[in-house]
PDB file of N, CA and C in Angstrom:
ATOM      1  N   MET A   1       0.309   4.525 -24.898  1.00  0.00           N
ATOM      2  CA  MET A   1      -0.301   5.817 -24.561  1.00  0.00           C
ATOM      3  C   MET A   1      -1.077   5.522 -23.293  1.00  0.00           C
ATOM      4  N   LEU A   2      -1.936   4.892 -22.913  1.00  0.00           N
ATOM      5  CA  LEU A   2      -2.684   4.866 -21.597  1.00  0.00           C
ATOM      6  C   LEU A   2      -1.764   4.803 -20.635  1.00  0.00           C
ATOM      7  N   ALA A   3      -0.758   4.082 -20.610  1.00  0.00           N
ATOM      8  CA  ALA A   3       0.265   3.877 -19.565  1.00  0.00           C
ATOM      9  C   ALA A   3       1.061   5.254 -19.251  1.00  0.00           C
ATOM     10  N   ILE A   4       1.197   6.079 -20.317  1.00  0.00           N
ATOM     11  CA  ILE A   4       1.773   7.339 -19.928  1.00  0.00           C
ATOM     12  C   ILE A   4       0.729   8.467 -19.447  1.00  0.00           C
ATOM     13  N   VAL A   5      -0.420   8.290 -19.730  1.00  0.00           N
ATOM     14  CA  VAL A   5      -1.606   9.114 -19.028  1.00  0.00           C
ATOM     15  C   VAL A   5      -1.752   8.693 -17.590  1.00  0.00           C
ATOM     16  N   ILE A   6      -1.651   7.287 -17.312  1.00  0.00           N
ATOM     17  CA  ILE A   6      -1.676   6.781 -15.928  1.00  0.00           C
ATOM     18  C   ILE A   6      -0.596   7.307 -15.094  1.00  0.00           C
ATOM     19  N   ILE A   7       0.675   7.127 -15.622  1.00  0.00           N
ATOM     20  CA  ILE A   7       1.774   7.600 -14.852  1.00  0.00           C
ATOM     21  C   ILE A   7       1.748   9.168 -14.504  1.00  0.00           C
ATOM     22  N   CYS A   8       1.328   9.823 -15.703  1.00  0.00           N
ATOM     23  CA  CYS A   8       1.234  11.354 -15.374  1.00  0.00           C
ATOM     24  C   CYS A   8       0.070  11.674 -14.501  1.00  0.00           C
ATOM     25  N   TYR A   9      -0.867  10.914 -14.357  1.00  0.00           N
ATOM     26  CA  TYR A   9      -1.877  11.134 -13.352  1.00  0.00           C
ATOM     27  C   TYR A   9      -1.386  10.893 -12.097  1.00  0.00           C
ATOM     28  N   LEU A  10      -0.787   9.865 -11.919  1.00  0.00           N
ATOM     29  CA  LEU A  10      -0.150   9.295 -10.665  1.00  0.00           C
ATOM     30  C   LEU A  10       0.825  10.325 -10.118  1.00  0.00           C
ATOM     31  N   ILE A  11       1.587  10.893 -11.019  1.00  0.00           N
ATOM     32  CA  ILE A  11       2.583  12.069 -10.532  1.00  0.00           C
ATOM     33  C   ILE A  11       1.904  13.141 -10.191  1.00  0.00           C
ATOM     34  N   PHE A  12       1.063  13.647 -10.874  1.00  0.00           N
ATOM     35  CA  PHE A  12       0.175  14.721 -10.593  1.00  0.00           C
ATOM     36  C   PHE A  12      -0.664  14.754  -9.266  1.00  0.00           C
ATOM     37  N   ILE A  13      -1.221  13.635  -9.008  1.00  0.00           N
ATOM     38  CA  ILE A  13      -2.270  13.359  -7.800  1.00  0.00           C
ATOM     39  C   ILE A  13      -1.321  13.432  -6.534  1.00  0.00           C
ATOM     40  N   ASN A  14      -0.109  12.776  -6.789  1.00  0.00           N
ATOM     41  CA  ASN A  14       0.748  12.615  -5.634  1.00  0.00           C
ATOM     42  C   ASN A  14       1.389  14.132  -5.231  1.00  0.00           C
ATOM     43  N   LEU A  15       1.801  14.781  -6.319  1.00  0.00           N
ATOM     44  CA  LEU A  15       2.181  16.147  -6.099  1.00  0.00           C
ATOM     45  C   LEU A  15       1.287  16.944  -5.423  1.00  0.00           C
ATOM     46  N   PHE A  16       0.045  16.881  -6.044  1.00  0.00           N
ATOM     47  CA  PHE A  16      -1.140  17.504  -5.528  1.00  0.00           C
ATOM     48  C   PHE A  16      -1.446  17.301  -4.074  1.00  0.00           C
ATOM     49  N   GLY A  17      -1.363  15.965  -3.581  1.00  0.00           N
ATOM     50  CA  GLY A  17      -1.436  15.603  -2.327  1.00  0.00           C
ATOM     51  C   GLY A  17      -0.318  16.232  -1.276  1.00  0.00           C
ATOM     52  N   LEU A  18       0.829  16.299  -1.782  1.00  0.00           N
ATOM     53  CA  LEU A  18       2.054  16.807  -1.058  1.00  0.00           C
ATOM     54  C   LEU A  18       1.794  18.256  -0.917  1.00  0.00           C
ATOM     55  N   ILE A  19       1.353  18.946  -2.069  1.00  0.00           N
ATOM     56  CA  ILE A  19       1.087  20.499  -1.920  1.00  0.00           C
ATOM     57  C   ILE A  19      -0.051  20.780  -1.144  1.00  0.00           C
ATOM     58  N   ILE A  20      -1.216  20.082  -1.071  1.00  0.00           N
ATOM     59  CA  ILE A  20      -2.285  20.582  -0.099  1.00  0.00           C
ATOM     60  C   ILE A  20      -2.009  20.343   1.308  1.00  0.00           C
ATOM     61  N   MET A  21      -1.090  19.381   1.694  1.00  0.00           N
ATOM     62  CA  MET A  21      -0.768  19.091   2.978  1.00  0.00           C
ATOM     63  C   MET A  21       0.112  20.419   3.567  1.00  0.00           C
ATOM     64  N   LYS A  22       1.085  20.964   2.480  1.00  0.00           N
ATOM     65  CA  LYS A  22       1.889  22.158   2.736  1.00  0.00           C
ATOM     66  C   LYS A  22       0.928  23.144   3.000  1.00  0.00           C
ATOM     67  N   VAL A  23      -0.059  23.443   1.953  1.00  0.00           N
ATOM     68  CA  VAL A  23      -0.856  24.629   2.138  1.00  0.00           C
ATOM     69  C   VAL A  23      -1.612  24.632   3.494  1.00  0.00           C
ATOM     70  N   ASP A  24      -2.344  23.416   3.800  1.00  0.00           N
ATOM     71  CA  ASP A  24      -2.983  23.304   4.935  1.00  0.00           C
ATOM     72  C   ASP A  24      -2.236  23.675   6.280  1.00  0.00           C
ATOM     73  N   LYS A  25      -0.999  23.253   6.283  1.00  0.00           N
ATOM     74  CA  LYS A  25       0.019  23.425   7.407  1.00  0.00           C
ATOM     75  C   LYS A  25       0.133  24.807   7.431  1.00  0.00           C
ATOM     76  N   GLU A  26       0.461  25.521   6.342  1.00  0.00           N
ATOM     77  CA  GLU A  26       0.716  27.064   6.455  1.00  0.00           C
ATOM     78  C   GLU A  26      -0.592  27.857   6.737  1.00  0.00           C
ATOM     79  N   ARG A  27      -1.650  27.278   6.431  1.00  0.00           N
ATOM     80  CA  ARG A  27      -2.895  27.914   6.937  1.00  0.00           C
ATOM     81  C   ARG A  27      -3.256  27.771   8.171  1.00  0.00           C
ATOM     82  N   ALA A  28      -2.845  26.553   8.806  1.00  0.00           N
ATOM     83  CA  ALA A  28      -2.996  26.367  10.442  1.00  0.00           C
ATOM     84  C   ALA A  28      -2.097  27.229  11.049  1.00  0.00           C
ATOM     85  N   LYS A  29      -0.969  27.604  10.542  1.00  0.00           N
ATOM     86  CA  LYS A  29      -0.029  28.347  11.272  1.00  0.00           C
ATOM     87  C   LYS A  29      -0.367  29.830  11.589  1.00  0.00           C
ATOM     88  N   LYS A  30      -1.171  30.201  10.471  1.00  0.00           N
ATOM     89  CA  LYS A  30      -1.668  31.637  10.375  1.00  0.00           C
ATOM     90  C   LYS A  30      -3.047  31.892  10.791  1.00  0.00           C
ATOM     91  N   GLY A  31      -3.646  30.616  11.071  1.00  0.00           N
ATOM     92  CA  GLY A  31      -4.980  30.750  11.877  1.00  0.00           C
ATOM     93  C   GLY A  31      -5.958  31.048  10.635  1.00  0.00           C
ATOM     94  N   LYS A  32      -5.632  30.660   9.470  1.00  0.00           N
ATOM     95  CA  LYS A  32      -6.611  31.135   8.347  1.00  0.00           C
ATOM     96  C   LYS A  32      -7.674  29.874   8.085  1.00  0.00           C
ATOM     97  N   TYR A  33      -8.414  29.911   6.969  1.00  0.00           N
ATOM     98  CA  TYR A  33      -9.401  28.885   6.756  1.00  0.00           C
ATOM     99  C   TYR A  33      -8.586  27.610   6.248  1.00  0.00           C
ATOM    100  N   ARG A  34      -9.121  26.655   6.743  1.00  0.00           N
ATOM    101  CA  ARG A  34      -8.353  25.176   6.629  1.00  0.00           C
ATOM    102  C   ARG A  34      -8.984  24.306   5.394  1.00  0.00           C
ATOM    103  N   ILE A  35      -8.134  23.607   4.657  1.00  0.00           N
ATOM    104  CA  ILE A  35      -8.497  22.494   3.811  1.00  0.00           C
ATOM    105  C   ILE A  35      -9.261  21.578   4.692  1.00  0.00           C
ATOM    106  N   LYS A  36     -10.558  21.178   4.176  1.00  0.00           N
ATOM    107  CA  LYS A  36     -11.216  20.006   4.919  1.00  0.00           C
ATOM    108  C   LYS A  36     -10.546  18.684   4.955  1.00  0.00           C
ATOM    109  N   GLU A  37     -10.661  17.921   6.214  1.00  0.00           N
ATOM    110  CA  GLU A  37     -10.067  16.663   6.163  1.00  0.00           C
ATOM    111  C   GLU A  37     -10.382  15.791   5.205  1.00  0.00           C
ATOM    112  N   SER A  38     -11.802  16.031   4.653  1.00  0.00           N
ATOM    113  CA  SER A  38     -12.424  15.176   3.743  1.00  0.00           C
ATOM    114  C   SER A  38     -11.658  15.384   2.330  1.00  0.00           C
ATOM    115  N   SER A  39     -11.272  16.531   2.191  1.00  0.00           N
ATOM    116  CA  SER A  39     -10.542  16.750   0.994  1.00  0.00           C
ATOM    117  C   SER A  39      -9.134  16.158   0.944  1.00  0.00           C
ATOM    118  N   LEU A  40      -8.465  16.110   2.071  1.00  0.00           N
ATOM    119  CA  LEU A  40      -7.081  15.506   2.107  1.00  0.00           C
ATOM    120  C   LEU A  40      -7.466  13.989   1.870  1.00  0.00           C
ATOM    121  N   TRP A  41      -8.317  13.485   2.382  1.00  0.00           N
ATOM    122  CA  TRP A  41      -8.665  11.973   2.342  1.00  0.00           C
ATOM    123  C   TRP A  41      -9.097  11.763   0.938  1.00  0.00           C
ATOM    124  N   LYS A  42      -9.822  12.580   0.345  1.00  0.00           N
ATOM    125  CA  LYS A  42     -10.100  12.513  -1.119  1.00  0.00           C
ATOM    126  C   LYS A  42      -8.961  12.401  -2.043  1.00  0.00           C
ATOM    127  N   ALA A  43      -7.908  13.264  -1.882  1.00  0.00           N
ATOM    128  CA  ALA A  43      -6.682  13.282  -2.688  1.00  0.00           C
ATOM    129  C   ALA A  43      -5.889  12.040  -2.541  1.00  0.00           C
ATOM    130  N   ALA A  44      -5.891  11.489  -1.143  1.00  0.00           N
ATOM    131  CA  ALA A  44      -5.181  10.231  -0.824  1.00  0.00           C
ATOM    132  C   ALA A  44      -5.770   9.086  -1.554  1.00  0.00           C
ATOM    133  N   PHE A  45      -7.194   8.972  -1.502  1.00  0.00           N
ATOM    134  CA  PHE A  45      -7.905   7.735  -1.994  1.00  0.00           C
ATOM    135  C   PHE A  45      -7.830   7.799  -3.671  1.00  0.00           C
ATOM    136  N   LEU A  46      -7.805   9.056  -4.094  1.00  0.00           N
ATOM    137  CA  LEU A  46      -7.776   9.097  -5.663  1.00  0.00           C
ATOM    138  C   LEU A  46      -6.350   8.823  -6.133  1.00  0.00           C
ATOM    139  N   GLY A  47      -5.540   8.254  -5.275  1.00  0.00           N
ATOM    140  CA  GLY A  47      -4.182   7.772  -5.833  1.00  0.00           C
ATOM    141  C   GLY A  47      -3.084   8.507  -5.152  1.00  0.00           C
ATOM    142  N   GLY A  48      -3.335   9.613  -4.227  1.00  0.00           N
ATOM    143  CA  GLY A  48      -2.126  10.425  -3.852  1.00  0.00           C
ATOM    144  C   GLY A  48      -1.904  10.138  -2.323  1.00  0.00           C
ATOM    145  N   ALA A  49      -2.133   8.853  -1.975  1.00  0.00           N
ATOM    146  CA  ALA A  49      -1.528   8.463  -0.637  1.00  0.00           C
ATOM    147  C   ALA A  49      -0.167   8.594  -0.101  1.00  0.00           C
ATOM    148  N   ILE A  50       0.680   8.465  -1.261  1.00  0.00           N
ATOM    149  CA  ILE A  50       2.072   8.401  -1.214  1.00  0.00           C
ATOM    150  C   ILE A  50       2.393  10.059  -1.013  1.00  0.00           C
ATOM    151  N   GLY A  51       1.857  10.886  -1.552  1.00  0.00           N
ATOM    152  CA  GLY A  51       2.291  12.439  -1.680  1.00  0.00           C
ATOM    153  C   GLY A  51       1.676  12.908  -0.371  1.00  0.00           C
ATOM    154  N   THR A  52       0.337  12.646   0.073  1.00  0.00           N
ATOM    155  CA  THR A  52      -0.035  13.018   1.569  1.00  0.00           C
ATOM    156  C   THR A  52       0.543  12.660   2.565  1.00  0.00           C
ATOM    157  N   THR A  53       1.082  11.349   2.388  1.00  0.00           N
ATOM    158  CA  THR A  53       1.992  10.967   3.454  1.00  0.00           C
ATOM    159  C   THR A  53       3.301  11.515   3.748  1.00  0.00           C
ATOM    160  N   ALA A  54       3.811  11.750   2.511  1.00  0.00           N
ATOM    161  CA  ALA A  54       5.216  12.303   2.487  1.00  0.00           C
ATOM    162  C   ALA A  54       4.775  13.771   2.880  1.00  0.00           C
ATOM    163  N   GLY A  55       3.979  14.602   2.460  1.00  0.00           N
ATOM    164  CA  GLY A  55       3.509  15.840   3.168  1.00  0.00           C
ATOM    165  C   GLY A  55       3.436  15.824   4.503  1.00  0.00           C
ATOM    166  N   MET A  56       2.651  15.021   5.027  1.00  0.00           N
ATOM    167  CA  MET A  56       2.322  14.795   6.448  1.00  0.00           C
ATOM    168  C   MET A  56       3.770  14.768   7.339  1.00  0.00           C
ATOM    169  N   ASN A  57       4.725  13.899   6.902  1.00  0.00           N
ATOM    170  CA  ASN A  57       5.813  13.810   7.449  1.00  0.00           C
ATOM    171  C   ASN A  57       7.005  14.994   7.073  1.00  0.00           C
ATOM    172  N   MET A  58       6.818  15.399   5.975  1.00  0.00           N
ATOM    173  CA  MET A  58       7.731  16.647   5.642  1.00  0.00           C
ATOM    174  C   MET A  58       7.641  17.919   6.424  1.00  0.00           C
ATOM    175  N   PHE A  59       6.201  18.038   6.512  1.00  0.00           N
ATOM    176  CA  PHE A  59       5.876  19.426   6.911  1.00  0.00           C
ATOM    177  C   PHE A  59       5.174  19.144   8.458  1.00  0.00           C
ATOM    178  N   ARG A  60       5.287  17.953   9.129  1.00  0.00           N
ATOM    179  CA  ARG A  60       4.889  17.498  10.267  1.00  0.00           C
ATOM    180  C   ARG A  60       3.419  18.078  10.708  1.00  0.00           C
ATOM    181  N   HIS A  61       2.641  17.602   9.759  1.00  0.00           N
ATOM    182  CA  HIS A  61       1.149  18.124   9.652  1.00  0.00           C
ATOM    183  C   HIS A  61       0.240  17.013   9.836  1.00  0.00           C
ATOM    184  N   LYS A  62      -0.493  16.915  10.807  1.00  0.00           N
ATOM    185  CA  LYS A  62      -1.659  16.044  10.968  1.00  0.00           C
ATOM    186  C   LYS A  62      -1.084  14.961  11.657  1.00  0.00           C
ATOM    187  N   THR A  63       0.260  14.861  12.357  1.00  0.00           N
ATOM    188  CA  THR A  63       0.969  13.643  12.791  1.00  0.00           C
ATOM    189  C   THR A  63       0.385  13.201  14.140  1.00  0.00           C
ATOM    190  N   LYS A  64      -0.309  14.020  14.591  1.00  0.00           N
ATOM    191  CA  LYS A  64      -0.846  13.892  16.036  1.00  0.00           C
ATOM    192  C   LYS A  64      -2.434  13.054  15.932  1.00  0.00           C
ATOM    193  N   HIS A  65      -2.921  13.133  14.797  1.00  0.00           N
ATOM    194  CA  HIS A  65      -4.233  12.509  14.547  1.00  0.00           C
ATOM    195  C   HIS A  65      -4.036  11.189  14.123  1.00  0.00           C
ATOM    196  N   THR A  66      -4.718  10.344  14.914  1.00  0.00           N
ATOM    197  CA  THR A  66      -4.356   8.721  14.636  1.00  0.00           C
ATOM    198  C   THR A  66      -4.809   8.468  13.207  1.00  0.00           C
ATOM    199  N   GLN A  67      -5.959   8.968  12.708  1.00  0.00           N
ATOM    200  CA  GLN A  67      -6.642   8.514  11.550  1.00  0.00           C
ATOM    201  C   GLN A  67      -5.593   8.930  10.399  1.00  0.00           C
ATOM    202  N   PHE A  68      -4.898   9.887  10.487  1.00  0.00           N
ATOM    203  CA  PHE A  68      -3.794  10.336   9.519  1.00  0.00           C
ATOM    204  C   PHE A  68      -2.602   9.624   9.801  1.00  0.00           C
ATOM    205  N   LYS A  69      -2.299   9.519  11.046  1.00  0.00           N
ATOM    206  CA  LYS A  69      -0.950   8.950  11.466  1.00  0.00           C
ATOM    207  C   LYS A  69      -0.721   7.542  10.756  1.00  0.00           C
ATOM    208  N   TRP A  70      -1.875   6.840  11.046  1.00  0.00           N
ATOM    209  CA  TRP A  70      -1.776   5.494  10.591  1.00  0.00           C
ATOM    210  C   TRP A  70      -2.542   5.165   9.289  1.00  0.00           C
ATOM    211  N   GLY A  71      -3.526   6.006   8.891  1.00  0.00           N
ATOM    212  CA  GLY A  71      -4.293   5.967   7.646  1.00  0.00           C
ATOM    213  C   GLY A  71      -3.680   6.086   6.390  1.00  0.00           C
ATOM    214  N   PHE A  72      -3.058   7.240   6.378  1.00  0.00           N
ATOM    215  CA  PHE A  72      -2.172   7.646   5.255  1.00  0.00           C
ATOM    216  C   PHE A  72      -1.096   6.718   4.827  1.00  0.00           C
ATOM    217  N   PRO A  73      -0.314   6.299   5.785  1.00  0.00           N
ATOM    218  CA  PRO A  73       0.718   5.411   5.469  1.00  0.00           C
ATOM    219  C   PRO A  73       0.201   4.010   5.038  1.00  0.00           C
ATOM    220  N   LEU A  74      -0.791   3.557   5.728  1.00  0.00           N
ATOM    221  CA  LEU A  74      -1.460   2.292   5.243  1.00  0.00           C
ATOM    222  C   LEU A  74      -1.903   2.355   3.961  1.00  0.00           C
ATOM    223  N   LEU A  75      -2.610   3.437   3.658  1.00  0.00           N
ATOM    224  CA  LEU A  75      -3.257   3.613   2.207  1.00  0.00           C
ATOM    225  C   LEU A  75      -1.920   3.645   1.278  1.00  0.00           C
ATOM    226  N   ALA A  76      -0.936   4.389   1.536  1.00  0.00           N
ATOM    227  CA  ALA A  76      -0.012   4.670   0.708  1.00  0.00           C
ATOM    228  C   ALA A  76       0.780   3.132   0.251  1.00  0.00           C
ATOM    229  N   ILE A  77       0.804   2.316   1.361  1.00  0.00           N
ATOM    230  CA  ILE A  77       1.511   0.971   1.112  1.00  0.00           C
ATOM    231  C   ILE A  77       0.532   0.127   0.183  1.00  0.00           C
ATOM    232  N   ILE A  78      -0.736   0.459   0.467  1.00  0.00           N
ATOM    233  CA  ILE A  78      -1.745  -0.333  -0.486  1.00  0.00           C
ATOM    234  C   ILE A  78      -1.588   0.116  -1.865  1.00  0.00           C
ATOM    235  N   GLU A  79      -1.646   1.595  -2.058  1.00  0.00           N
ATOM    236  CA  GLU A  79      -1.504   2.196  -3.392  1.00  0.00           C
ATOM    237  C   GLU A  79      -0.117   1.683  -4.033  1.00  0.00           C
ATOM    238  N   ALA A  80       0.906   1.845  -3.391  1.00  0.00           N
ATOM    239  CA  ALA A  80       2.253   1.436  -3.880  1.00  0.00           C
ATOM    240  C   ALA A  80       2.280  -0.011  -4.335  1.00  0.00           C
ATOM    241  N   ALA A  81       1.621  -0.839  -3.621  1.00  0.00           N
ATOM    242  CA  ALA A  81       1.522  -2.313  -4.106  1.00  0.00           C
ATOM    243  C   ALA A  81       0.765  -2.347  -5.382  1.00  0.00           C
ATOM    244  N   LEU A  82      -0.440  -1.571  -5.431  1.00  0.00           N
ATOM    245  CA  LEU A  82      -1.137  -1.628  -6.632  1.00  0.00           C
ATOM    246  C   LEU A  82      -0.373  -1.117  -7.711  1.00  0.00           C
ATOM    247  N   TYR A  83       0.291  -0.039  -7.579  1.00  0.00           N
ATOM    248  CA  TYR A  83       1.061   0.581  -8.642  1.00  0.00           C
ATOM    249  C   TYR A  83       2.150  -0.402  -9.189  1.00  0.00           C
ATOM    250  N   ILE A  84       2.830  -1.274  -8.140  1.00  0.00           N
ATOM    251  CA  ILE A  84       3.727  -2.218  -8.626  1.00  0.00           C
ATOM    252  C   ILE A  84       3.096  -3.282  -9.463  1.00  0.00           C
ATOM    253  N   TRP A  85       1.886  -3.772  -8.889  1.00  0.00           N
ATOM    254  CA  TRP A  85       1.187  -4.938  -9.490  1.00  0.00           C
ATOM    255  C   TRP A  85       0.799  -4.394 -11.038  1.00  0.00           C
ATOM    256  N   GLY A  86       0.389  -3.294 -11.184  1.00  0.00           N
ATOM    257  CA  GLY A  86      -0.131  -2.699 -12.251  1.00  0.00           C
ATOM    258  C   GLY A  86       1.100  -2.633 -13.318  1.00  0.00           C
ATOM    259  N   LEU A  87       2.269  -1.987 -12.733  1.00  0.00           N
ATOM    260  CA  LEU A  87       3.461  -2.030 -13.495  1.00  0.00           C
ATOM    261  C   LEU A  87       3.846  -3.670 -14.036  1.00  0.00           C
ATOM    262  N   TRP A  88       3.687  -4.597 -12.967  1.00  0.00           N
ATOM    263  CA  TRP A  88       4.098  -5.984 -13.552  1.00  0.00           C
ATOM    264  C   TRP A  88       3.259  -6.401 -14.462  1.00  0.00           C
ATOM    265  N   ILE A  89       2.005  -6.254 -14.309  1.00  0.00           N
ATOM    266  CA  ILE A  89       0.960  -6.648 -15.455  1.00  0.00           C
ATOM    267  C   ILE A  89       1.267  -5.966 -16.692  1.00  0.00           C
ATOM    268  N   TRP A  90       1.615  -4.852 -16.657  1.00  0.00           N
ATOM    269  CA  TRP A  90       1.884  -4.081 -17.950  1.00  0.00           C
ATOM    270  C   TRP A  90       3.022  -4.423 -18.637  1.00  0.00           C
ATOM    271  N   LEU A  91       4.307  -4.740 -17.864  1.00  0.00           N
ATOM    272  CA  LEU A  91       5.327  -5.084 -18.693  1.00  0.00           C
ATOM    273  C   LEU A  91       5.362  -6.735 -18.943  1.00  0.00           C
ATOM    274  N   TYR A  92       4.689  -7.470 -18.258  1.00  0.00           N
ATOM    275  CA  TYR A  92       4.756  -8.800 -18.676  1.00  0.00           C
ATOM    276  C   TYR A  92       3.402  -9.490 -19.140  1.00  0.00           C
TER     277      TYR A  92
END
């Protein structure tokens, strides 16, 4: 049961990360109020780095900012490794 909750959370937080990158990009295009960079990082650190990285690349958003260009993918790799490690522990 706990594993299902964790998997659902990870799916949710990564979809959330993807969506907030899209929303921020749309707001940037329209010159509207933007999502704080700290909020983007919070979503990534709470398990959504894969989603925020995908959003960054899909929507070409924040790709010129070094901290995002390198930070999100690095964090995504670390999180993916932790997910795989957790799955390995859970299965064996």
